[in-house]
Amino acid sequence: MGPPLASLTATVTVCSSAAGDDAFALRLKPGCESFVTGFGPAAWYLDRGELVLRSKAGRFWRFEANDATNWQRVPEGREPINLVRQ
C-alpha cells in the first residue's frame, strides 16, 4: 500500500455534528490528493455493514470492512481506495 491520499476526521457527536438524515460530519485534513478533494466528502454513515462517504454534490463512495481497521472501496474502481482507521 502506498502513501495516504488523504486524512480525514469523522465525527460521531450526537446532534451538533450531524450532517442530516443519520449522517455525521466529515472533514478533510490539509494535504489531500486532488482525487479525494474533487470528490469532496462531507458526511459519513453506516448502511448494511458498509461505510458510506457522501460528497457535497450527493455522490457516494462505499467501503466494506476487510478487518477491524481496514475498509476497501466497493466496487473497486480503476485505482483501489482503502481506508485505514488510526
PDB file of N, CA and C in Angstrom:
ATOM      1  N   MET A   1       0.849  -1.161   0.000  1.00  0.00           N
ATOM      2  CA  MET A   1       0.000   0.000   0.000  1.00  0.00           C
ATOM      3  C   MET A   1       0.900   1.229   0.000  1.00  0.00           C
ATOM      4  N   GLY A   2       0.579   2.208  -0.835  1.00  0.00           N
ATOM      5  CA  GLY A   2       1.365   3.419  -0.948  1.00  0.00           C
ATOM      6  C   GLY A   2       1.052   4.422   0.139  1.00  0.00           C
ATOM      7  N   PRO A   3       1.579   5.632  -0.009  1.00  0.00           N
ATOM      8  CA  PRO A   3       1.316   6.674   0.979  1.00  0.00           C
ATOM      9  C   PRO A   3      -0.157   7.080   0.948  1.00  0.00           C
ATOM     10  N   PRO A   4      -0.650   7.649   2.044  1.00  0.00           N
ATOM     11  CA  PRO A   4      -2.060   8.033   2.093  1.00  0.00           C
ATOM     12  C   PRO A   4      -2.404   9.110   1.070  1.00  0.00           C
ATOM     13  N   LEU A   5      -3.591   8.992   0.485  1.00  0.00           N
ATOM     14  CA  LEU A   5      -4.102  10.009  -0.430  1.00  0.00           C
ATOM     15  C   LEU A   5      -4.693  11.173   0.340  1.00  0.00           C
ATOM     16  N   ALA A   6      -5.194  10.895   1.538  1.00  0.00           N
ATOM     17  CA  ALA A   6      -5.832  11.929   2.344  1.00  0.00           C
ATOM     18  C   ALA A   6      -5.981  11.447   3.771  1.00  0.00           C
ATOM     19  N   SER A   7      -6.133  12.391   4.671  1.00  0.00           N
ATOM     20  CA  SER A   7      -6.504  12.109   6.052  1.00  0.00           C
ATOM     21  C   SER A   7      -7.805  12.835   6.306  1.00  0.00           C
ATOM     22  N   LEU A   8      -8.677  12.197   7.066  1.00  0.00           N
ATOM     23  CA  LEU A   8      -9.958  12.820   7.344  1.00  0.00           C
ATOM     24  C   LEU A   8     -10.351  12.568   8.775  1.00  0.00           C
ATOM     25  N   THR A   9     -11.241  13.409   9.261  1.00  0.00           N
ATOM     26  CA  THR A   9     -11.777  13.264  10.599  1.00  0.00           C
ATOM     27  C   THR A   9     -13.275  13.020  10.479  1.00  0.00           C
ATOM     28  N   ALA A  10     -13.720  11.900  11.009  1.00  0.00           N
ATOM     29  CA  ALA A  10     -15.137  11.561  11.008  1.00  0.00           C
ATOM     30  C   ALA A  10     -15.656  11.761  12.417  1.00  0.00           C
ATOM     31  N   THR A  11     -16.663  12.587  12.583  1.00  0.00           N
ATOM     32  CA  THR A  11     -17.195  12.856  13.907  1.00  0.00           C
ATOM     33  C   THR A  11     -18.406  11.986  14.195  1.00  0.00           C
ATOM     34  N   VAL A  12     -18.567  11.652  15.439  1.00  0.00           N
ATOM     35  CA  VAL A  12     -19.696  10.848  15.888  1.00  0.00           C
ATOM     36  C   VAL A  12     -20.320  11.549  17.092  1.00  0.00           C
ATOM     37  N   THR A  13     -20.666  12.793  16.935  1.00  0.00           N
ATOM     38  CA  THR A  13     -21.265  13.566  18.010  1.00  0.00           C
ATOM     39  C   THR A  13     -22.765  13.660  17.768  1.00  0.00           C
ATOM     40  N   VAL A  14     -23.537  13.325  18.749  1.00  0.00           N
ATOM     41  CA  VAL A  14     -24.986  13.375  18.604  1.00  0.00           C
ATOM     42  C   VAL A  14     -25.429  14.833  18.453  1.00  0.00           C
ATOM     43  N   CYS A  15     -26.297  15.080  17.522  1.00  0.00           N
ATOM     44  CA  CYS A  15     -26.937  16.369  17.238  1.00  0.00           C
ATOM     45  C   CYS A  15     -26.009  17.430  16.655  1.00  0.00           C
ATOM     46  N   SER A  16     -25.036  17.948  17.403  1.00  0.00           N
ATOM     47  CA  SER A  16     -24.308  19.120  16.942  1.00  0.00           C
ATOM     48  C   SER A  16     -23.485  18.881  15.684  1.00  0.00           C
ATOM     49  N   SER A  17     -23.001  17.680  15.434  1.00  0.00           N
ATOM     50  CA  SER A  17     -22.205  17.412  14.242  1.00  0.00           C
ATOM     51  C   SER A  17     -22.978  16.647  13.177  1.00  0.00           C
ATOM     52  N   ALA A  18     -24.210  16.363  13.440  1.00  0.00           N
ATOM     53  CA  ALA A  18     -24.984  15.582  12.475  1.00  0.00           C
ATOM     54  C   ALA A  18     -25.080  16.328  11.154  1.00  0.00           C
ATOM     55  N   ALA A  19     -24.921  15.612  10.073  1.00  0.00           N
ATOM     56  CA  ALA A  19     -24.988  16.191   8.731  1.00  0.00           C
ATOM     57  C   ALA A  19     -26.352  15.947   8.109  1.00  0.00           C
ATOM     58  N   GLY A  20     -27.298  15.500   8.888  1.00  0.00           N
ATOM     59  CA  GLY A  20     -28.655  15.270   8.404  1.00  0.00           C
ATOM     60  C   GLY A  20     -28.931  13.814   8.095  1.00  0.00           C
ATOM     61  N   ASP A  21     -30.157  13.367   8.348  1.00  0.00           N
ATOM     62  CA  ASP A  21     -30.610  12.021   7.998  1.00  0.00           C
ATOM     63  C   ASP A  21     -29.660  10.916   8.428  1.00  0.00           C
ATOM     64  N   ASP A  22     -29.327  10.866   9.699  1.00  0.00           N
ATOM     65  CA  ASP A  22     -28.478   9.816  10.257  1.00  0.00           C
ATOM     66  C   ASP A  22     -27.059   9.798   9.682  1.00  0.00           C
ATOM     67  N   ALA A  23     -26.613  10.888   9.113  1.00  0.00           N
ATOM     68  CA  ALA A  23     -25.241  11.002   8.626  1.00  0.00           C
ATOM     69  C   ALA A  23     -24.482  11.930   9.562  1.00  0.00           C
ATOM     70  N   PHE A  24     -23.182  11.752   9.609  1.00  0.00           N
ATOM     71  CA  PHE A  24     -22.344  12.538  10.504  1.00  0.00           C
ATOM     72  C   PHE A  24     -21.303  13.298   9.705  1.00  0.00           C
ATOM     73  N   ALA A  25     -20.856  14.405  10.257  1.00  0.00           N
ATOM     74  CA  ALA A  25     -19.928  15.292   9.564  1.00  0.00           C
ATOM     75  C   ALA A  25     -18.590  14.627   9.296  1.00  0.00           C
ATOM     76  N   LEU A  26     -17.981  15.040   8.209  1.00  0.00           N
ATOM     77  CA  LEU A  26     -16.689  14.522   7.790  1.00  0.00           C
ATOM     78  C   LEU A  26     -15.854  15.718   7.354  1.00  0.00           C
ATOM     79  N   ARG A  27     -14.606  15.784   7.797  1.00  0.00           N
ATOM     80  CA  ARG A  27     -13.746  16.911   7.465  1.00  0.00           C
ATOM     81  C   ARG A  27     -12.409  16.385   6.943  1.00  0.00           C
ATOM     82  N   LEU A  28     -11.995  16.873   5.770  1.00  0.00           N
ATOM     83  CA  LEU A  28     -10.693  16.509   5.218  1.00  0.00           C
ATOM     84  C   LEU A  28      -9.614  17.326   5.899  1.00  0.00           C
ATOM     85  N   LYS A  29      -8.486  16.704   6.154  1.00  0.00           N
ATOM     86  CA  LYS A  29      -7.344  17.417   6.694  1.00  0.00           C
ATOM     87  C   LYS A  29      -6.528  17.965   5.519  1.00  0.00           C
ATOM     88  N   PRO A  30      -5.735  18.996   5.742  1.00  0.00           N
ATOM     89  CA  PRO A  30      -4.924  19.576   4.663  1.00  0.00           C
ATOM     90  C   PRO A  30      -3.986  18.542   4.035  1.00  0.00           C
ATOM     91  N   GLY A  31      -3.710  18.727   2.739  1.00  0.00           N
ATOM     92  CA  GLY A  31      -2.742  17.885   2.046  1.00  0.00           C
ATOM     93  C   GLY A  31      -3.329  16.702   1.299  1.00  0.00           C
ATOM     94  N   CYS A  32      -4.631  16.655   1.116  1.00  0.00           N
ATOM     95  CA  CYS A  32      -5.255  15.539   0.410  1.00  0.00           C
ATOM     96  C   CYS A  32      -5.014  15.639  -1.092  1.00  0.00           C
ATOM     97  N   GLU A  33      -4.974  14.495  -1.740  1.00  0.00           N
ATOM     98  CA  GLU A  33      -4.820  14.426  -3.192  1.00  0.00           C
ATOM     99  C   GLU A  33      -6.068  15.012  -3.866  1.00  0.00           C
ATOM    100  N   SER A  34      -5.882  15.551  -5.063  1.00  0.00           N
ATOM    101  CA  SER A  34      -6.990  16.185  -5.789  1.00  0.00           C
ATOM    102  C   SER A  34      -8.111  15.190  -6.096  1.00  0.00           C
ATOM    103  N   PHE A  35      -7.770  13.918  -6.240  1.00  0.00           N
ATOM    104  CA  PHE A  35      -8.770  12.884  -6.466  1.00  0.00           C
ATOM    105  C   PHE A  35      -9.793  12.860  -5.329  1.00  0.00           C
ATOM    106  N   VAL A  36      -9.312  13.022  -4.110  1.00  0.00           N
ATOM    107  CA  VAL A  36     -10.183  12.990  -2.934  1.00  0.00           C
ATOM    108  C   VAL A  36     -10.889  14.334  -2.755  1.00  0.00           C
ATOM    109  N   THR A  37     -10.158  15.438  -2.882  1.00  0.00           N
ATOM    110  CA  THR A  37     -10.784  16.755  -2.712  1.00  0.00           C
ATOM    111  C   THR A  37     -11.812  17.015  -3.812  1.00  0.00           C
ATOM    112  N   GLY A  38     -11.580  16.479  -5.005  1.00  0.00           N
ATOM    113  CA  GLY A  38     -12.551  16.622  -6.091  1.00  0.00           C
ATOM    114  C   GLY A  38     -13.857  15.910  -5.786  1.00  0.00           C
ATOM    115  N   PHE A  39     -13.777  14.786  -5.121  1.00  0.00           N
ATOM    116  CA  PHE A  39     -14.986  14.083  -4.676  1.00  0.00           C
ATOM    117  C   PHE A  39     -15.695  14.909  -3.603  1.00  0.00           C
ATOM    118  N   GLY A  40     -14.922  15.500  -2.699  1.00  0.00           N
ATOM    119  CA  GLY A  40     -15.478  16.393  -1.679  1.00  0.00           C
ATOM    120  C   GLY A  40     -16.311  15.725  -0.615  1.00  0.00           C
ATOM    121  N   PRO A  41     -15.786  14.696   0.066  1.00  0.00           N
ATOM    122  CA  PRO A  41     -16.590  14.042   1.092  1.00  0.00           C
ATOM    123  C   PRO A  41     -16.985  15.014   2.199  1.00  0.00           C
ATOM    124  N   ALA A  42     -18.250  14.968   2.604  1.00  0.00           N
ATOM    125  CA  ALA A  42     -18.758  15.897   3.608  1.00  0.00           C
ATOM    126  C   ALA A  42     -19.472  15.195   4.761  1.00  0.00           C
ATOM    127  N   ALA A  43     -19.883  13.946   4.558  1.00  0.00           N
ATOM    128  CA  ALA A  43     -20.619  13.222   5.589  1.00  0.00           C
ATOM    129  C   ALA A  43     -20.350  11.728   5.463  1.00  0.00           C
ATOM    130  N   TRP A  44     -20.625  11.006   6.539  1.00  0.00           N
ATOM    131  CA  TRP A  44     -20.472   9.557   6.528  1.00  0.00           C
ATOM    132  C   TRP A  44     -21.620   8.928   7.314  1.00  0.00           C
ATOM    133  N   TYR A  45     -21.883   7.657   6.994  1.00  0.00           N
ATOM    134  CA  TYR A  45     -22.860   6.868   7.743  1.00  0.00           C
ATOM    135  C   TYR A  45     -22.625   5.393   7.438  1.00  0.00           C
ATOM    136  N   LEU A  46     -23.236   4.531   8.236  1.00  0.00           N
ATOM    137  CA  LEU A  46     -23.167   3.088   8.016  1.00  0.00           C
ATOM    138  C   LEU A  46     -24.471   2.629   7.378  1.00  0.00           C
ATOM    139  N   ASP A  47     -24.347   1.756   6.373  1.00  0.00           N
ATOM    140  CA  ASP A  47     -25.508   1.225   5.675  1.00  0.00           C
ATOM    141  C   ASP A  47     -25.286  -0.255   5.412  1.00  0.00           C
ATOM    142  N   ARG A  48     -26.078  -1.106   6.066  1.00  0.00           N
ATOM    143  CA  ARG A  48     -25.987  -2.568   5.897  1.00  0.00           C
ATOM    144  C   ARG A  48     -24.552  -3.074   6.016  1.00  0.00           C
ATOM    145  N   GLY A  49     -23.837  -2.582   7.017  1.00  0.00           N
ATOM    146  CA  GLY A  49     -22.484  -3.042   7.281  1.00  0.00           C
ATOM    147  C   GLY A  49     -21.409  -2.365   6.455  1.00  0.00           C
ATOM    148  N   GLU A  50     -21.789  -1.473   5.560  1.00  0.00           N
ATOM    149  CA  GLU A  50     -20.812  -0.738   4.755  1.00  0.00           C
ATOM    150  C   GLU A  50     -20.683   0.687   5.272  1.00  0.00           C
ATOM    151  N   LEU A  51     -19.478   1.231   5.165  1.00  0.00           N
ATOM    152  CA  LEU A  51     -19.223   2.621   5.487  1.00  0.00           C
ATOM    153  C   LEU A  51     -19.434   3.433   4.221  1.00  0.00           C
ATOM    154  N   VAL A  52     -20.268   4.453   4.289  1.00  0.00           N
ATOM    155  CA  VAL A  52     -20.599   5.251   3.110  1.00  0.00           C
ATOM    156  C   VAL A  52     -20.132   6.685   3.333  1.00  0.00           C
ATOM    157  N   LEU A  53     -19.359   7.223   2.372  1.00  0.00           N
ATOM    158  CA  LEU A  53     -18.975   8.627   2.379  1.00  0.00           C
ATOM    159  C   LEU A  53     -19.832   9.337   1.350  1.00  0.00           C
ATOM    160  N   ARG A  54     -20.443  10.445   1.745  1.00  0.00           N
ATOM    161  CA  ARG A  54     -21.298  11.218   0.847  1.00  0.00           C
ATOM    162  C   ARG A  54     -20.623  12.551   0.550  1.00  0.00           C
ATOM    163  N   SER A  55     -20.588  12.923  -0.725  1.00  0.00           N
ATOM    164  CA  SER A  55     -19.975  14.195  -1.114  1.00  0.00           C
ATOM    165  C   SER A  55     -20.979  15.327  -0.983  1.00  0.00           C
ATOM    166  N   LYS A  56     -20.473  16.552  -1.053  1.00  0.00           N
ATOM    167  CA  LYS A  56     -21.347  17.731  -1.019  1.00  0.00           C
ATOM    168  C   LYS A  56     -22.296  17.734  -2.213  1.00  0.00           C
ATOM    169  N   ALA A  57     -21.875  17.120  -3.328  1.00  0.00           N
ATOM    170  CA  ALA A  57     -22.682  17.072  -4.554  1.00  0.00           C
ATOM    171  C   ALA A  57     -23.659  15.895  -4.567  1.00  0.00           C
ATOM    172  N   GLY A  58     -23.679  15.099  -3.489  1.00  0.00           N
ATOM    173  CA  GLY A  58     -24.610  13.980  -3.418  1.00  0.00           C
ATOM    174  C   GLY A  58     -24.096  12.684  -4.025  1.00  0.00           C
ATOM    175  N   ARG A  59     -22.802  12.600  -4.327  1.00  0.00           N
ATOM    176  CA  ARG A  59     -22.218  11.336  -4.805  1.00  0.00           C
ATOM    177  C   ARG A  59     -21.792  10.507  -3.602  1.00  0.00           C
ATOM    178  N   PHE A  60     -21.579   9.204  -3.824  1.00  0.00           N
ATOM    179  CA  PHE A  60     -21.275   8.287  -2.731  1.00  0.00           C
ATOM    180  C   PHE A  60     -20.069   7.416  -3.040  1.00  0.00           C
ATOM    181  N   TRP A  61     -19.272   7.160  -2.023  1.00  0.00           N
ATOM    182  CA  TRP A  61     -18.244   6.116  -2.059  1.00  0.00           C
ATOM    183  C   TRP A  61     -18.622   5.143  -0.958  1.00  0.00           C
ATOM    184  N   ARG A  62     -18.654   3.843  -1.286  1.00  0.00           N
ATOM    185  CA  ARG A  62     -18.993   2.807  -0.321  1.00  0.00           C
ATOM    186  C   ARG A  62     -17.750   1.978  -0.026  1.00  0.00           C
ATOM    187  N   PHE A  63     -17.613   1.554   1.237  1.00  0.00           N
ATOM    188  CA  PHE A  63     -16.472   0.756   1.673  1.00  0.00           C
ATOM    189  C   PHE A  63     -16.964  -0.411   2.505  1.00  0.00           C
ATOM    190  N   GLU A  64     -16.316  -1.576   2.317  1.00  0.00           N
ATOM    191  CA  GLU A  64     -16.627  -2.728   3.154  1.00  0.00           C
ATOM    192  C   GLU A  64     -15.402  -3.052   3.998  1.00  0.00           C
ATOM    193  N   ALA A  65     -15.645  -3.584   5.175  1.00  0.00           N
ATOM    194  CA  ALA A  65     -14.564  -3.884   6.113  1.00  0.00           C
ATOM    195  C   ALA A  65     -13.787  -5.114   5.673  1.00  0.00           C
ATOM    196  N   ASN A  66     -12.464  -4.984   5.668  1.00  0.00           N
ATOM    197  CA  ASN A  66     -11.581  -6.140   5.477  1.00  0.00           C
ATOM    198  C   ASN A  66     -11.246  -6.744   6.834  1.00  0.00           C
ATOM    199  N   ASP A  67     -11.123  -5.873   7.826  1.00  0.00           N
ATOM    200  CA  ASP A  67     -10.903  -6.263   9.215  1.00  0.00           C
ATOM    201  C   ASP A  67     -11.302  -5.081  10.087  1.00  0.00           C
ATOM    202  N   ALA A  68     -10.919  -5.088  11.360  1.00  0.00           N
ATOM    203  CA  ALA A  68     -11.382  -4.057  12.292  1.00  0.00           C
ATOM    204  C   ALA A  68     -10.856  -2.652  11.976  1.00  0.00           C
ATOM    205  N   THR A  69      -9.783  -2.530  11.215  1.00  0.00           N
ATOM    206  CA  THR A  69      -9.201  -1.203  10.961  1.00  0.00           C
ATOM    207  C   THR A  69      -9.052  -0.853   9.487  1.00  0.00           C
ATOM    208  N   ASN A  70      -9.389  -1.752   8.565  1.00  0.00           N
ATOM    209  CA  ASN A  70      -9.215  -1.508   7.132  1.00  0.00           C
ATOM    210  C   ASN A  70     -10.524  -1.677   6.378  1.00  0.00           C
ATOM    211  N   TRP A  71     -10.814  -0.701   5.516  1.00  0.00           N
ATOM    212  CA  TRP A  71     -12.023  -0.709   4.699  1.00  0.00           C
ATOM    213  C   TRP A  71     -11.608  -0.540   3.246  1.00  0.00           C
ATOM    214  N   GLN A  72     -12.214  -1.318   2.341  1.00  0.00           N
ATOM    215  CA  GLN A  72     -11.904  -1.282   0.915  1.00  0.00           C
ATOM    216  C   GLN A  72     -13.109  -0.775   0.141  1.00  0.00           C
ATOM    217  N   ARG A  73     -12.857   0.132  -0.836  1.00  0.00           N
ATOM    218  CA  ARG A  73     -13.956   0.691  -1.620  1.00  0.00           C
ATOM    219  C   ARG A  73     -14.613  -0.388  -2.470  1.00  0.00           C
ATOM    220  N   VAL A  74     -15.937  -0.353  -2.528  1.00  0.00           N
ATOM    221  CA  VAL A  74     -16.711  -1.275  -3.363  1.00  0.00           C
ATOM    222  C   VAL A  74     -17.703  -0.478  -4.202  1.00  0.00           C
ATOM    223  N   PRO A  75     -17.881  -0.780  -5.448  1.00  0.00           N
ATOM    224  CA  PRO A  75     -16.975  -1.660  -6.182  1.00  0.00           C
ATOM    225  C   PRO A  75     -15.624  -0.977  -6.362  1.00  0.00           C
ATOM    226  N   GLU A  76     -14.614  -1.795  -6.492  1.00  0.00           N
ATOM    227  CA  GLU A  76     -13.265  -1.279  -6.650  1.00  0.00           C
ATOM    228  C   GLU A  76     -13.139  -0.666  -8.040  1.00  0.00           C
ATOM    229  N   GLY A  77     -12.683   0.564  -8.114  1.00  0.00           N
ATOM    230  CA  GLY A  77     -12.531   1.252  -9.395  1.00  0.00           C
ATOM    231  C   GLY A  77     -11.179   0.980 -10.031  1.00  0.00           C
ATOM    232  N   ARG A  78     -10.805   1.831 -10.961  1.00  0.00           N
ATOM    233  CA  ARG A  78      -9.507   1.678 -11.632  1.00  0.00           C
ATOM    234  C   ARG A  78      -8.355   1.733 -10.641  1.00  0.00           C
ATOM    235  N   GLU A  79      -8.490   2.607  -9.653  1.00  0.00           N
ATOM    236  CA  GLU A  79      -7.484   2.705  -8.606  1.00  0.00           C
ATOM    237  C   GLU A  79      -8.142   2.341  -7.279  1.00  0.00           C
ATOM    238  N   PRO A  80      -7.669   1.274  -6.637  1.00  0.00           N
ATOM    239  CA  PRO A  80      -8.267   0.867  -5.363  1.00  0.00           C
ATOM    240  C   PRO A  80      -8.104   1.958  -4.305  1.00  0.00           C
ATOM    241  N   ILE A  81      -9.127   2.115  -3.471  1.00  0.00           N
ATOM    242  CA  ILE A  81      -9.068   3.058  -2.363  1.00  0.00           C
ATOM    243  C   ILE A  81      -9.335   2.268  -1.085  1.00  0.00           C
ATOM    244  N   ASN A  82      -8.453   2.432  -0.112  1.00  0.00           N
ATOM    245  CA  ASN A  82      -8.602   1.790   1.175  1.00  0.00           C
ATOM    246  C   ASN A  82      -8.611   2.850   2.270  1.00  0.00           C
ATOM    247  N   LEU A  83      -9.454   2.655   3.274  1.00  0.00           N
ATOM    248  CA  LEU A  83      -9.456   3.499   4.457  1.00  0.00           C
ATOM    249  C   LEU A  83      -8.794   2.720   5.576  1.00  0.00           C
ATOM    250  N   VAL A  84      -7.964   3.397   6.353  1.00  0.00           N
ATOM    251  CA  VAL A  84      -7.296   2.782   7.480  1.00  0.00           C
ATOM    252  C   VAL A  84      -7.618   3.606   8.717  1.00  0.00           C
ATOM    253  N   ARG A  85      -8.180   2.957   9.714  1.00  0.00           N
ATOM    254  CA  ARG A  85      -8.509   3.635  10.968  1.00  0.00           C
ATOM    255  C   ARG A  85      -7.254   3.764  11.813  1.00  0.00           C
ATOM    256  N   GLN A  86      -7.007   4.973  12.300  1.00  0.00           N
ATOM    257  CA  GLN A  86      -5.819   5.195  13.144  1.00  0.00           C
ATOM    258  C   GLN A  86      -6.218   5.671  14.501  1.00  0.00           C
TER     259      GLN A  86
END
